[in-house]
Amino acid sequence: ASLLFPIPRSAKREEIGISGTLPFFGVDIWNGYELSWLNQRGKPQVAIARFHVPADSPNIIESKSFKLYLNSFNQTKVADTDTLIHTLQRDLTAAAGAYVPVSLTLPEQFSQLQMQEL
């Protein structure tokens, strides 16, 4: 979690005249296409991660620190995917200052993914 660098949203919002109640709502959707970690026996595991950072969170997470944080799991043993999701949610929620839901798509689900324009 110490790798994550939160950036307050307030300064940039004030620059464009937004303060108090936001005139919009939504989420910043971040995708981690190469999330990897080790299972308890040291076997590499992979998933595609999706993170929803609320637009009304006090902070956004600096992208390079987010990438370094995710890469820090590459050689980390994790008990199971639920533990990984909990760890990611806890750390990202702390950095963003608001609850950040996390979902993982495991290899057996990759074929179900579809790309589309929003």
PDB file of N, CA and C in Angstrom:
ATOM      1  N   ALA A   1       0.824  -1.202   0.000  1.00  0.00           N
ATOM      2  CA  ALA A   1       0.000   0.000   0.000  1.00  0.00           C
ATOM      3  C   ALA A   1       0.860   1.256   0.000  1.00  0.00           C
ATOM      4  N   SER A   2       2.082   1.172   0.524  1.00  0.00           N
ATOM      5  CA  SER A   2       2.928   2.365   0.589  1.00  0.00           C
ATOM      6  C   SER A   2       3.385   2.816  -0.795  1.00  0.00           C
ATOM      7  N   LEU A   3       3.220   1.969  -1.808  1.00  0.00           N
ATOM      8  CA  LEU A   3       3.591   2.354  -3.173  1.00  0.00           C
ATOM      9  C   LEU A   3       2.561   3.281  -3.815  1.00  0.00           C
ATOM     10  N   LEU A   4       1.334   3.249  -3.315  1.00  0.00           N
ATOM     11  CA  LEU A   4       0.256   4.040  -3.911  1.00  0.00           C
ATOM     12  C   LEU A   4       0.387   5.510  -3.544  1.00  0.00           C
ATOM     13  N   PHE A   5       0.288   6.371  -4.542  1.00  0.00           N
ATOM     14  CA  PHE A   5       0.427   7.809  -4.340  1.00  0.00           C
ATOM     15  C   PHE A   5      -0.907   8.494  -4.643  1.00  0.00           C
ATOM     16  N   PRO A   6      -1.658   8.854  -3.592  1.00  0.00           N
ATOM     17  CA  PRO A   6      -2.936   9.539  -3.822  1.00  0.00           C
ATOM     18  C   PRO A   6      -2.725  11.000  -4.200  1.00  0.00           C
ATOM     19  N   ILE A   7      -3.535  11.476  -5.131  1.00  0.00           N
ATOM     20  CA  ILE A   7      -3.502  12.879  -5.546  1.00  0.00           C
ATOM     21  C   ILE A   7      -4.868  13.482  -5.240  1.00  0.00           C
ATOM     22  N   PRO A   8      -4.918  14.521  -4.401  1.00  0.00           N
ATOM     23  CA  PRO A   8      -6.214  15.143  -4.101  1.00  0.00           C
ATOM     24  C   PRO A   8      -6.870  15.687  -5.372  1.00  0.00           C
ATOM     25  N   ARG A   9      -8.145  15.413  -5.525  1.00  0.00           N
ATOM     26  CA  ARG A   9      -8.894  15.902  -6.684  1.00  0.00           C
ATOM     27  C   ARG A   9      -9.261  17.376  -6.524  1.00  0.00           C
ATOM     28  N   SER A  10      -9.330  17.854  -5.296  1.00  0.00           N
ATOM     29  CA  SER A  10      -9.876  19.184  -5.001  1.00  0.00           C
ATOM     30  C   SER A  10      -9.158  20.320  -5.722  1.00  0.00           C
ATOM     31  N   ALA A  11      -7.836  20.283  -5.799  1.00  0.00           N
ATOM     32  CA  ALA A  11      -7.096  21.395  -6.408  1.00  0.00           C
ATOM     33  C   ALA A  11      -7.487  21.594  -7.872  1.00  0.00           C
ATOM     34  N   LYS A  12      -7.511  20.525  -8.636  1.00  0.00           N
ATOM     35  CA  LYS A  12      -7.866  20.637 -10.060  1.00  0.00           C
ATOM     36  C   LYS A  12      -9.334  20.995 -10.236  1.00  0.00           C
ATOM     37  N   ARG A  13     -10.172  20.507  -9.353  1.00  0.00           N
ATOM     38  CA  ARG A  13     -11.597  20.851  -9.447  1.00  0.00           C
ATOM     39  C   ARG A  13     -11.820  22.325  -9.150  1.00  0.00           C
ATOM     40  N   GLU A  14     -11.084  22.842  -8.166  1.00  0.00           N
ATOM     41  CA  GLU A  14     -11.206  24.269  -7.846  1.00  0.00           C
ATOM     42  C   GLU A  14     -10.741  25.131  -9.014  1.00  0.00           C
ATOM     43  N   GLU A  15      -9.713  24.672  -9.741  1.00  0.00           N
ATOM     44  CA  GLU A  15      -9.215  25.411 -10.909  1.00  0.00           C
ATOM     45  C   GLU A  15     -10.293  25.600 -11.972  1.00  0.00           C
ATOM     46  N   ILE A  16     -11.221  24.656 -12.045  1.00  0.00           N
ATOM     47  CA  ILE A  16     -12.287  24.768 -13.053  1.00  0.00           C
ATOM     48  C   ILE A  16     -13.625  25.171 -12.428  1.00  0.00           C
ATOM     49  N   GLY A  17     -13.556  25.682 -11.196  1.00  0.00           N
ATOM     50  CA  GLY A  17     -14.741  26.241 -10.557  1.00  0.00           C
ATOM     51  C   GLY A  17     -15.685  25.246  -9.918  1.00  0.00           C
ATOM     52  N   ILE A  18     -15.196  24.057  -9.610  1.00  0.00           N
ATOM     53  CA  ILE A  18     -16.047  23.057  -8.962  1.00  0.00           C
ATOM     54  C   ILE A  18     -15.643  22.936  -7.502  1.00  0.00           C
ATOM     55  N   SER A  19     -16.602  23.175  -6.616  1.00  0.00           N
ATOM     56  CA  SER A  19     -16.378  22.964  -5.185  1.00  0.00           C
ATOM     57  C   SER A  19     -17.701  22.521  -4.576  1.00  0.00           C
ATOM     58  N   GLY A  20     -17.622  21.917  -3.413  1.00  0.00           N
ATOM     59  CA  GLY A  20     -18.846  21.440  -2.770  1.00  0.00           C
ATOM     60  C   GLY A  20     -19.420  20.240  -3.503  1.00  0.00           C
ATOM     61  N   THR A  21     -20.742  20.243  -3.651  1.00  0.00           N
ATOM     62  CA  THR A  21     -21.424  19.136  -4.316  1.00  0.00           C
ATOM     63  C   THR A  21     -21.032  19.073  -5.787  1.00  0.00           C
ATOM     64  N   LEU A  22     -20.652  17.900  -6.229  1.00  0.00           N
ATOM     65  CA  LEU A  22     -20.220  17.727  -7.618  1.00  0.00           C
ATOM     66  C   LEU A  22     -21.414  17.793  -8.571  1.00  0.00           C
ATOM     67  N   PRO A  23     -21.235  18.420  -9.731  1.00  0.00           N
ATOM     68  CA  PRO A  23     -22.314  18.493 -10.713  1.00  0.00           C
ATOM     69  C   PRO A  23     -22.373  17.252 -11.619  1.00  0.00           C
ATOM     70  N   PHE A  24     -21.681  16.199 -11.226  1.00  0.00           N
ATOM     71  CA  PHE A  24     -21.631  14.969 -12.014  1.00  0.00           C
ATOM     72  C   PHE A  24     -21.452  13.795 -11.071  1.00  0.00           C
ATOM     73  N   PHE A  25     -21.586  12.617 -11.613  1.00  0.00           N
ATOM     74  CA  PHE A  25     -21.353  11.401 -10.841  1.00  0.00           C
ATOM     75  C   PHE A  25     -20.722  10.375 -11.774  1.00  0.00           C
ATOM     76  N   GLY A  26     -20.207   9.315 -11.201  1.00  0.00           N
ATOM     77  CA  GLY A  26     -19.618   8.265 -12.024  1.00  0.00           C
ATOM     78  C   GLY A  26     -18.424   7.625 -11.354  1.00  0.00           C
ATOM     79  N   VAL A  27     -17.669   6.902 -12.147  1.00  0.00           N
ATOM     80  CA  VAL A  27     -16.480   6.213 -11.655  1.00  0.00           C
ATOM     81  C   VAL A  27     -15.369   6.312 -12.689  1.00  0.00           C
ATOM     82  N   ASP A  28     -14.148   6.239 -12.207  1.00  0.00           N
ATOM     83  CA  ASP A  28     -12.986   6.069 -13.076  1.00  0.00           C
ATOM     84  C   ASP A  28     -12.751   4.565 -13.141  1.00  0.00           C
ATOM     85  N   ILE A  29     -12.814   3.998 -14.325  1.00  0.00           N
ATOM     86  CA  ILE A  29     -12.600   2.558 -14.481  1.00  0.00           C
ATOM     87  C   ILE A  29     -11.151   2.321 -14.896  1.00  0.00           C
ATOM     88  N   TRP A  30     -10.449   1.573 -14.065  1.00  0.00           N
ATOM     89  CA  TRP A  30      -9.058   1.213 -14.342  1.00  0.00           C
ATOM     90  C   TRP A  30      -9.023  -0.295 -14.593  1.00  0.00           C
ATOM     91  N   ASN A  31      -8.265  -0.701 -15.591  1.00  0.00           N
ATOM     92  CA  ASN A  31      -8.096  -2.119 -15.900  1.00  0.00           C
ATOM     93  C   ASN A  31      -6.644  -2.514 -15.707  1.00  0.00           C
ATOM     94  N   GLY A  32      -6.439  -3.648 -15.088  1.00  0.00           N
ATOM     95  CA  GLY A  32      -5.105  -4.230 -14.952  1.00  0.00           C
ATOM     96  C   GLY A  32      -5.075  -5.500 -15.783  1.00  0.00           C
ATOM     97  N   TYR A  33      -4.551  -5.400 -17.001  1.00  0.00           N
ATOM     98  CA  TYR A  33      -4.608  -6.532 -17.924  1.00  0.00           C
ATOM     99  C   TYR A  33      -3.573  -7.605 -17.641  1.00  0.00           C
ATOM    100  N   GLU A  34      -2.599  -7.315 -16.805  1.00  0.00           N
ATOM    101  CA  GLU A  34      -1.525  -8.281 -16.551  1.00  0.00           C
ATOM    102  C   GLU A  34      -1.267  -8.460 -15.059  1.00  0.00           C
ATOM    103  N   LEU A  35      -2.317  -8.584 -14.273  1.00  0.00           N
ATOM    104  CA  LEU A  35      -2.137  -8.801 -12.839  1.00  0.00           C
ATOM    105  C   LEU A  35      -1.654 -10.230 -12.616  1.00  0.00           C
ATOM    106  N   SER A  36      -0.577 -10.368 -11.861  1.00  0.00           N
ATOM    107  CA  SER A  36      -0.076 -11.711 -11.555  1.00  0.00           C
ATOM    108  C   SER A  36       0.397 -11.773 -10.113  1.00  0.00           C
ATOM    109  N   TRP A  37       0.382 -12.985  -9.565  1.00  0.00           N
ATOM    110  CA  TRP A  37       0.804 -13.255  -8.201  1.00  0.00           C
ATOM    111  C   TRP A  37       1.159 -14.735  -8.135  1.00  0.00           C
ATOM    112  N   LEU A  38       1.610 -15.190  -6.997  1.00  0.00           N
ATOM    113  CA  LEU A  38       1.953 -16.597  -6.811  1.00  0.00           C
ATOM    114  C   LEU A  38       0.941 -17.246  -5.877  1.00  0.00           C
ATOM    115  N   ASN A  39       0.578 -18.512  -6.165  1.00  0.00           N
ATOM    116  CA  ASN A  39      -0.262 -19.218  -5.205  1.00  0.00           C
ATOM    117  C   ASN A  39       0.621 -19.688  -4.051  1.00  0.00           C
ATOM    118  N   GLN A  40       0.052 -20.372  -3.098  1.00  0.00           N
ATOM    119  CA  GLN A  40       0.797 -20.775  -1.899  1.00  0.00           C
ATOM    120  C   GLN A  40       1.955 -21.720  -2.212  1.00  0.00           C
ATOM    121  N   ARG A  41       1.904 -22.403  -3.345  1.00  0.00           N
ATOM    122  CA  ARG A  41       2.996 -23.308  -3.733  1.00  0.00           C
ATOM    123  C   ARG A  41       4.015 -22.626  -4.633  1.00  0.00           C
ATOM    124  N   GLY A  42       3.813 -21.345  -4.907  1.00  0.00           N
ATOM    125  CA  GLY A  42       4.754 -20.599  -5.730  1.00  0.00           C
ATOM    126  C   GLY A  42       4.460 -20.618  -7.215  1.00  0.00           C
ATOM    127  N   LYS A  43       3.304 -21.163  -7.603  1.00  0.00           N
ATOM    128  CA  LYS A  43       2.938 -21.211  -9.024  1.00  0.00           C
ATOM    129  C   LYS A  43       2.335 -19.872  -9.444  1.00  0.00           C
ATOM    130  N   PRO A  44       2.822 -19.302 -10.544  1.00  0.00           N
ATOM    131  CA  PRO A  44       2.277 -18.023 -11.009  1.00  0.00           C
ATOM    132  C   PRO A  44       0.794 -18.126 -11.373  1.00  0.00           C
ATOM    133  N   GLN A  45       0.050 -17.108 -10.996  1.00  0.00           N
ATOM    134  CA  GLN A  45      -1.377 -16.986 -11.291  1.00  0.00           C
ATOM    135  C   GLN A  45      -1.575 -15.668 -12.033  1.00  0.00           C
ATOM    136  N   VAL A  46      -2.573 -15.610 -12.891  1.00  0.00           N
ATOM    137  CA  VAL A  46      -2.840 -14.374 -13.626  1.00  0.00           C
ATOM    138  C   VAL A  46      -4.334 -14.080 -13.630  1.00  0.00           C
ATOM    139  N   ALA A  47      -4.644 -12.819 -13.822  1.00  0.00           N
ATOM    140  CA  ALA A  47      -6.033 -12.379 -13.953  1.00  0.00           C
ATOM    141  C   ALA A  47      -6.037 -11.004 -14.596  1.00  0.00           C
ATOM    142  N   ILE A  48      -7.185 -10.639 -15.096  1.00  0.00           N
ATOM    143  CA  ILE A  48      -7.431  -9.268 -15.528  1.00  0.00           C
ATOM    144  C   ILE A  48      -8.246  -8.628 -14.413  1.00  0.00           C
ATOM    145  N   ALA A  49      -7.771  -7.502 -13.921  1.00  0.00           N
ATOM    146  CA  ALA A  49      -8.444  -6.829 -12.808  1.00  0.00           C
ATOM    147  C   ALA A  49      -9.180  -5.596 -13.307  1.00  0.00           C
ATOM    148  N   ARG A  50     -10.273  -5.284 -12.643  1.00  0.00           N
ATOM    149  CA  ARG A  50     -11.020  -4.054 -12.935  1.00  0.00           C
ATOM    150  C   ARG A  50     -11.285  -3.354 -11.608  1.00  0.00           C
ATOM    151  N   PHE A  51     -11.025  -2.050 -11.619  1.00  0.00           N
ATOM    152  CA  PHE A  51     -11.168  -1.220 -10.425  1.00  0.00           C
ATOM    153  C   PHE A  51     -12.108  -0.064 -10.746  1.00  0.00           C
ATOM    154  N   HIS A  52     -13.032   0.235  -9.844  1.00  0.00           N
ATOM    155  CA  HIS A  52     -13.966   1.351 -10.025  1.00  0.00           C
ATOM    156  C   HIS A  52     -13.709   2.381  -8.921  1.00  0.00           C
ATOM    157  N   VAL A  53     -13.028   3.462  -9.277  1.00  0.00           N
ATOM    158  CA  VAL A  53     -12.723   4.525  -8.316  1.00  0.00           C
ATOM    159  C   VAL A  53     -13.830   5.575  -8.436  1.00  0.00           C
ATOM    160  N   PRO A  54     -14.614   5.787  -7.367  1.00  0.00           N
ATOM    161  CA  PRO A  54     -15.728   6.734  -7.445  1.00  0.00           C
ATOM    162  C   PRO A  54     -15.258   8.146  -7.797  1.00  0.00           C
ATOM    163  N   ALA A  55     -16.012   8.812  -8.661  1.00  0.00           N
ATOM    164  CA  ALA A  55     -15.673  10.184  -9.061  1.00  0.00           C
ATOM    165  C   ALA A  55     -15.726  11.141  -7.879  1.00  0.00           C
ATOM    166  N   ASP A  56     -16.491  10.789  -6.848  1.00  0.00           N
ATOM    167  CA  ASP A  56     -16.582  11.673  -5.686  1.00  0.00           C
ATOM    168  C   ASP A  56     -15.570  11.317  -4.593  1.00  0.00           C
ATOM    169  N   SER A  57     -14.622  10.431  -4.901  1.00  0.00           N
ATOM    170  CA  SER A  57     -13.571  10.131  -3.922  1.00  0.00           C
ATOM    171  C   SER A  57     -12.673  11.357  -3.783  1.00  0.00           C
ATOM    172  N   PRO A  58     -12.133  11.591  -2.586  1.00  0.00           N
ATOM    173  CA  PRO A  58     -11.278  12.761  -2.397  1.00  0.00           C
ATOM    174  C   PRO A  58      -9.977  12.703  -3.190  1.00  0.00           C
ATOM    175  N   ASN A  59      -9.523  11.488  -3.514  1.00  0.00           N
ATOM    176  CA  ASN A  59      -8.244  11.329  -4.210  1.00  0.00           C
ATOM    177  C   ASN A  59      -8.392  10.451  -5.442  1.00  0.00           C
ATOM    178  N   ILE A  60      -7.512  10.712  -6.397  1.00  0.00           N
ATOM    179  CA  ILE A  60      -7.296   9.774  -7.498  1.00  0.00           C
ATOM    180  C   ILE A  60      -5.906   9.192  -7.248  1.00  0.00           C
ATOM    181  N   ILE A  61      -5.635   8.025  -7.783  1.00  0.00           N
ATOM    182  CA  ILE A  61      -4.346   7.386  -7.550  1.00  0.00           C
ATOM    183  C   ILE A  61      -3.457   7.628  -8.768  1.00  0.00           C
ATOM    184  N   GLU A  62      -2.270   8.133  -8.511  1.00  0.00           N
ATOM    185  CA  GLU A  62      -1.325   8.432  -9.589  1.00  0.00           C
ATOM    186  C   GLU A  62      -1.039   7.139 -10.350  1.00  0.00           C
ATOM    187  N   SER A  63      -1.100   7.203 -11.682  1.00  0.00           N
ATOM    188  CA  SER A  63      -1.083   5.993 -12.510  1.00  0.00           C
ATOM    189  C   SER A  63       0.212   5.184 -12.405  1.00  0.00           C
ATOM    190  N   LYS A  64       1.353   5.845 -12.346  1.00  0.00           N
ATOM    191  CA  LYS A  64       2.612   5.091 -12.257  1.00  0.00           C
ATOM    192  C   LYS A  64       2.699   4.356 -10.920  1.00  0.00           C
ATOM    193  N   SER A  65       2.243   4.995  -9.845  1.00  0.00           N
ATOM    194  CA  SER A  65       2.271   4.325  -8.547  1.00  0.00           C
ATOM    195  C   SER A  65       1.295   3.150  -8.533  1.00  0.00           C
ATOM    196  N   PHE A  66       0.165   3.302  -9.229  1.00  0.00           N
ATOM    197  CA  PHE A  66      -0.817   2.217  -9.347  1.00  0.00           C
ATOM    198  C   PHE A  66      -0.171   1.019 -10.054  1.00  0.00           C
ATOM    199  N   LYS A  67       0.530   1.287 -11.148  1.00  0.00           N
ATOM    200  CA  LYS A  67       1.203   0.228 -11.909  1.00  0.00           C
ATOM    201  C   LYS A  67       2.268  -0.459 -11.054  1.00  0.00           C
ATOM    202  N   LEU A  68       3.092   0.322 -10.352  1.00  0.00           N
ATOM    203  CA  LEU A  68       4.126  -0.259  -9.492  1.00  0.00           C
ATOM    204  C   LEU A  68       3.506  -1.108  -8.389  1.00  0.00           C
ATOM    205  N   TYR A  69       2.405  -0.623  -7.830  1.00  0.00           N
ATOM    206  CA  TYR A  69       1.694  -1.373  -6.787  1.00  0.00           C
ATOM    207  C   TYR A  69       1.224  -2.723  -7.332  1.00  0.00           C
ATOM    208  N   LEU A  70       0.563  -2.705  -8.491  1.00  0.00           N
ATOM    209  CA  LEU A  70       0.076  -3.962  -9.065  1.00  0.00           C
ATOM    210  C   LEU A  70       1.231  -4.903  -9.390  1.00  0.00           C
ATOM    211  N   ASN A  71       2.329  -4.368  -9.916  1.00  0.00           N
ATOM    212  CA  ASN A  71       3.489  -5.206 -10.235  1.00  0.00           C
ATOM    213  C   ASN A  71       4.157  -5.775  -8.992  1.00  0.00           C
ATOM    214  N   SER A  72       3.937  -5.160  -7.835  1.00  0.00           N
ATOM    215  CA  SER A  72       4.546  -5.659  -6.601  1.00  0.00           C
ATOM    216  C   SER A  72       3.991  -7.031  -6.209  1.00  0.00           C
ATOM    217  N   PHE A  73       2.862  -7.418  -6.789  1.00  0.00           N
ATOM    218  CA  PHE A  73       2.284  -8.729  -6.487  1.00  0.00           C
ATOM    219  C   PHE A  73       2.922  -9.855  -7.303  1.00  0.00           C
ATOM    220  N   ASN A  74       3.718  -9.521  -8.306  1.00  0.00           N
ATOM    221  CA  ASN A  74       4.276 -10.528  -9.214  1.00  0.00           C
ATOM    222  C   ASN A  74       4.980 -11.674  -8.499  1.00  0.00           C
ATOM    223  N   GLN A  75       5.706 -11.404  -7.453  1.00  0.00           N
ATOM    224  CA  GLN A  75       6.445 -12.438  -6.724  1.00  0.00           C
ATOM    225  C   GLN A  75       5.916 -12.615  -5.301  1.00  0.00           C
ATOM    226  N   THR A  76       4.649 -12.253  -5.103  1.00  0.00           N
ATOM    227  CA  THR A  76       4.040 -12.338  -3.777  1.00  0.00           C
ATOM    228  C   THR A  76       3.116 -13.544  -3.697  1.00  0.00           C
ATOM    229  N   LYS A  77       3.288 -14.363  -2.668  1.00  0.00           N
ATOM    230  CA  LYS A  77       2.389 -15.497  -2.453  1.00  0.00           C
ATOM    231  C   LYS A  77       1.092 -14.988  -1.819  1.00  0.00           C
ATOM    232  N   VAL A  78      -0.019 -15.421  -2.397  1.00  0.00           N
ATOM    233  CA  VAL A  78      -1.342 -15.024  -1.916  1.00  0.00           C
ATOM    234  C   VAL A  78      -2.156 -16.297  -1.719  1.00  0.00           C
ATOM    235  N   ALA A  79      -2.877 -16.380  -0.605  1.00  0.00           N
ATOM    236  CA  ALA A  79      -3.617 -17.597  -0.256  1.00  0.00           C
ATOM    237  C   ALA A  79      -4.641 -17.986  -1.317  1.00  0.00           C
ATOM    238  N   ASP A  80      -5.420 -17.014  -1.800  1.00  0.00           N
ATOM    239  CA  ASP A  80      -6.455 -17.294  -2.795  1.00  0.00           C
ATOM    240  C   ASP A  80      -6.936 -15.977  -3.397  1.00  0.00           C
ATOM    241  N   THR A  81      -7.799 -16.065  -4.402  1.00  0.00           N
ATOM    242  CA  THR A  81      -8.244 -14.842  -5.086  1.00  0.00           C
ATOM    243  C   THR A  81      -9.062 -13.936  -4.169  1.00  0.00           C
ATOM    244  N   ASP A  82      -9.818 -14.520  -3.241  1.00  0.00           N
ATOM    245  CA  ASP A  82     -10.581 -13.679  -2.307  1.00  0.00           C
ATOM    246  C   ASP A  82      -9.648 -12.826  -1.452  1.00  0.00           C
ATOM    247  N   THR A  83      -8.545 -13.413  -1.018  1.00  0.00           N
ATOM    248  CA  THR A  83      -7.556 -12.667  -0.234  1.00  0.00           C
ATOM    249  C   THR A  83      -6.941 -11.557  -1.074  1.00  0.00           C
ATOM    250  N   LEU A  84      -6.641 -11.859  -2.328  1.00  0.00           N
ATOM    251  CA  LEU A  84      -6.077 -10.845  -3.221  1.00  0.00           C
ATOM    252  C   LEU A  84      -7.064  -9.695  -3.422  1.00  0.00           C
ATOM    253  N   ILE A  85      -8.317 -10.013  -3.707  1.00  0.00           N
ATOM    254  CA  ILE A  85      -9.334  -8.975  -3.895  1.00  0.00           C
ATOM    255  C   ILE A  85      -9.463  -8.123  -2.642  1.00  0.00           C
ATOM    256  N   HIS A  86      -9.508  -8.760  -1.479  1.00  0.00           N
ATOM    257  CA  HIS A  86      -9.625  -8.019  -0.216  1.00  0.00           C
ATOM    258  C   HIS A  86      -8.435  -7.073  -0.027  1.00  0.00           C
ATOM    259  N   THR A  87      -7.232  -7.558  -0.299  1.00  0.00           N
ATOM    260  CA  THR A  87      -6.029  -6.730  -0.151  1.00  0.00           C
ATOM    261  C   THR A  87      -6.067  -5.538  -1.098  1.00  0.00           C
ATOM    262  N   LEU A  88      -6.408  -5.784  -2.360  1.00  0.00           N
ATOM    263  CA  LEU A  88      -6.497  -4.704  -3.343  1.00  0.00           C
ATOM    264  C   LEU A  88      -7.551  -3.680  -2.926  1.00  0.00           C
ATOM    265  N   GLN A  89      -8.728  -4.149  -2.529  1.00  0.00           N
ATOM    266  CA  GLN A  89      -9.796  -3.231  -2.118  1.00  0.00           C
ATOM    267  C   GLN A  89      -9.384  -2.405  -0.904  1.00  0.00           C
ATOM    268  N   ARG A  90      -8.776  -3.046   0.070  1.00  0.00           N
ATOM    269  CA  ARG A  90      -8.355  -2.342   1.287  1.00  0.00           C
ATOM    270  C   ARG A  90      -7.357  -1.240   0.955  1.00  0.00           C
ATOM    271  N   ASP A  91      -6.328  -1.575   0.189  1.00  0.00           N
ATOM    272  CA  ASP A  91      -5.267  -0.614  -0.105  1.00  0.00           C
ATOM    273  C   ASP A  91      -5.750   0.518  -1.008  1.00  0.00           C
ATOM    274  N   LEU A  92      -6.511   0.173  -2.043  1.00  0.00           N
ATOM    275  CA  LEU A  92      -6.995   1.199  -2.976  1.00  0.00           C
ATOM    276  C   LEU A  92      -8.045   2.092  -2.324  1.00  0.00           C
ATOM    277  N   THR A  93      -8.883   1.519  -1.477  1.00  0.00           N
ATOM    278  CA  THR A  93      -9.873   2.306  -0.739  1.00  0.00           C
ATOM    279  C   THR A  93      -9.172   3.304   0.178  1.00  0.00           C
ATOM    280  N   ALA A  94      -8.119   2.865   0.844  1.00  0.00           N
ATOM    281  CA  ALA A  94      -7.369   3.766   1.724  1.00  0.00           C
ATOM    282  C   ALA A  94      -6.744   4.906   0.923  1.00  0.00           C
ATOM    283  N   ALA A  95      -6.181   4.600  -0.234  1.00  0.00           N
ATOM    284  CA  ALA A  95      -5.535   5.638  -1.046  1.00  0.00           C
ATOM    285  C   ALA A  95      -6.551   6.597  -1.657  1.00  0.00           C
ATOM    286  N   ALA A  96      -7.666   6.079  -2.138  1.00  0.00           N
ATOM    287  CA  ALA A  96      -8.672   6.925  -2.792  1.00  0.00           C
ATOM    288  C   ALA A  96      -9.523   7.697  -1.792  1.00  0.00           C
ATOM    289  N   GLY A  97      -9.633   7.178  -0.574  1.00  0.00           N
ATOM    290  CA  GLY A  97     -10.484   7.820   0.424  1.00  0.00           C
ATOM    291  C   GLY A  97     -11.952   7.485   0.244  1.00  0.00           C
ATOM    292  N   ALA A  98     -12.253   6.473  -0.557  1.00  0.00           N
ATOM    293  CA  ALA A  98     -13.617   5.993  -0.790  1.00  0.00           C
ATOM    294  C   ALA A  98     -13.518   4.537  -1.234  1.00  0.00           C
ATOM    295  N   TYR A  99     -14.595   3.805  -1.025  1.00  0.00           N
ATOM    296  CA  TYR A  99     -14.600   2.382  -1.358  1.00  0.00           C
ATOM    297  C   TYR A  99     -14.333   2.157  -2.845  1.00  0.00           C
ATOM    298  N   VAL A 100     -13.345   1.306  -3.140  1.00  0.00           N
ATOM    299  CA  VAL A 100     -12.975   0.961  -4.516  1.00  0.00           C
ATOM    300  C   VAL A 100     -13.265  -0.529  -4.730  1.00  0.00           C
ATOM    301  N   PRO A 101     -14.359  -0.849  -5.428  1.00  0.00           N
ATOM    302  CA  PRO A 101     -14.636  -2.253  -5.729  1.00  0.00           C
ATOM    303  C   PRO A 101     -13.614  -2.813  -6.718  1.00  0.00           C
ATOM    304  N   VAL A 102     -13.292  -4.080  -6.528  1.00  0.00           N
ATOM    305  CA  VAL A 102     -12.318  -4.764  -7.379  1.00  0.00           C
ATOM    306  C   VAL A 102     -12.951  -6.056  -7.880  1.00  0.00           C
ATOM    307  N   SER A 103     -12.781  -6.337  -9.159  1.00  0.00           N
ATOM    308  CA  SER A 103     -13.213  -7.632  -9.694  1.00  0.00           C
ATOM    309  C   SER A 103     -12.067  -8.229 -10.499  1.00  0.00           C
ATOM    310  N   LEU A 104     -12.002  -9.546 -10.493  1.00  0.00           N
ATOM    311  CA  LEU A 104     -10.976 -10.266 -11.244  1.00  0.00           C
ATOM    312  C   LEU A 104     -11.632 -11.167 -12.279  1.00  0.00           C
ATOM    313  N   THR A 105     -11.047 -11.194 -13.463  1.00  0.00           N
ATOM    314  CA  THR A 105     -11.433 -12.151 -14.493  1.00  0.00           C
ATOM    315  C   THR A 105     -10.290 -13.150 -14.592  1.00  0.00           C
ATOM    316  N   LEU A 106     -10.587 -14.402 -14.289  1.00  0.00           N
ATOM    317  CA  LEU A 106      -9.574 -15.454 -14.282  1.00  0.00           C
ATOM    318  C   LEU A 106      -9.430 -16.062 -15.678  1.00  0.00           C
ATOM    319  N   PRO A 107      -8.319 -16.752 -15.952  1.00  0.00           N
ATOM    320  CA  PRO A 107      -8.063 -17.270 -17.301  1.00  0.00           C
ATOM    321  C   PRO A 107      -9.213 -18.081 -17.898  1.00  0.00           C
ATOM    322  N   GLU A 108      -9.888 -18.872 -17.084  1.00  0.00           N
ATOM    323  CA  GLU A 108     -10.989 -19.679 -17.618  1.00  0.00           C
ATOM    324  C   GLU A 108     -12.183 -18.823 -18.054  1.00  0.00           C
ATOM    325  N   GLN A 109     -12.151 -17.529 -17.714  1.00  0.00           N
ATOM    326  CA  GLN A 109     -13.224 -16.606 -18.104  1.00  0.00           C
ATOM    327  C   GLN A 109     -12.793 -15.646 -19.217  1.00  0.00           C
ATOM    328  N   PHE A 110     -11.533 -15.692 -19.630  1.00  0.00           N
ATOM    329  CA  PHE A 110     -11.024 -14.742 -20.629  1.00  0.00           C
ATOM    330  C   PHE A 110     -11.844 -14.764 -21.919  1.00  0.00           C
ATOM    331  N   SER A 111     -12.265 -15.927 -22.351  1.00  0.00           N
ATOM    332  CA  SER A 111     -12.995 -16.026 -23.625  1.00  0.00           C
ATOM    333  C   SER A 111     -14.348 -15.319 -23.578  1.00  0.00           C
ATOM    334  N   GLN A 112     -14.837 -15.032 -22.383  1.00  0.00           N
ATOM    335  CA  GLN A 112     -16.131 -14.360 -22.239  1.00  0.00           C
ATOM    336  C   GLN A 112     -16.013 -12.841 -22.319  1.00  0.00           C
ATOM    337  N   LEU A 113     -14.788 -12.328 -22.292  1.00  0.00           N
ATOM    338  CA  LEU A 113     -14.592 -10.878 -22.327  1.00  0.00           C
ATOM    339  C   LEU A 113     -14.878 -10.333 -23.718  1.00  0.00           C
ATOM    340  N   GLN A 114     -15.477  -9.165 -23.743  1.00  0.00           N
ATOM    341  CA  GLN A 114     -15.755  -8.483 -25.001  1.00  0.00           C
ATOM    342  C   GLN A 114     -15.292  -7.045 -24.882  1.00  0.00           C
ATOM    343  N   MET A 115     -14.713  -6.540 -25.944  1.00  0.00           N
ATOM    344  CA  MET A 115     -14.317  -5.138 -26.001  1.00  0.00           C
ATOM    345  C   MET A 115     -15.390  -4.377 -26.759  1.00  0.00           C
ATOM    346  N   GLN A 116     -15.713  -3.200 -26.253  1.00  0.00           N
ATOM    347  CA  GLN A 116     -16.706  -2.372 -26.929  1.00  0.00           C
ATOM    348  C   GLN A 116     -16.485  -0.922 -26.570  1.00  0.00           C
ATOM    349  N   GLU A 117     -16.981  -0.057 -27.405  1.00  0.00           N
ATOM    350  CA  GLU A 117     -16.901   1.369 -27.120  1.00  0.00           C
ATOM    351  C   GLU A 117     -17.957   1.731 -26.099  1.00  0.00           C
ATOM    352  N   LEU A 118     -17.627   2.686 -25.252  1.00  0.00           N
ATOM    353  CA  LEU A 118     -18.607   3.171 -24.276  1.00  0.00           C
ATOM    354  C   LEU A 118     -19.443   4.271 -24.876  1.00  0.00           C
TER     355      LEU A 118
END
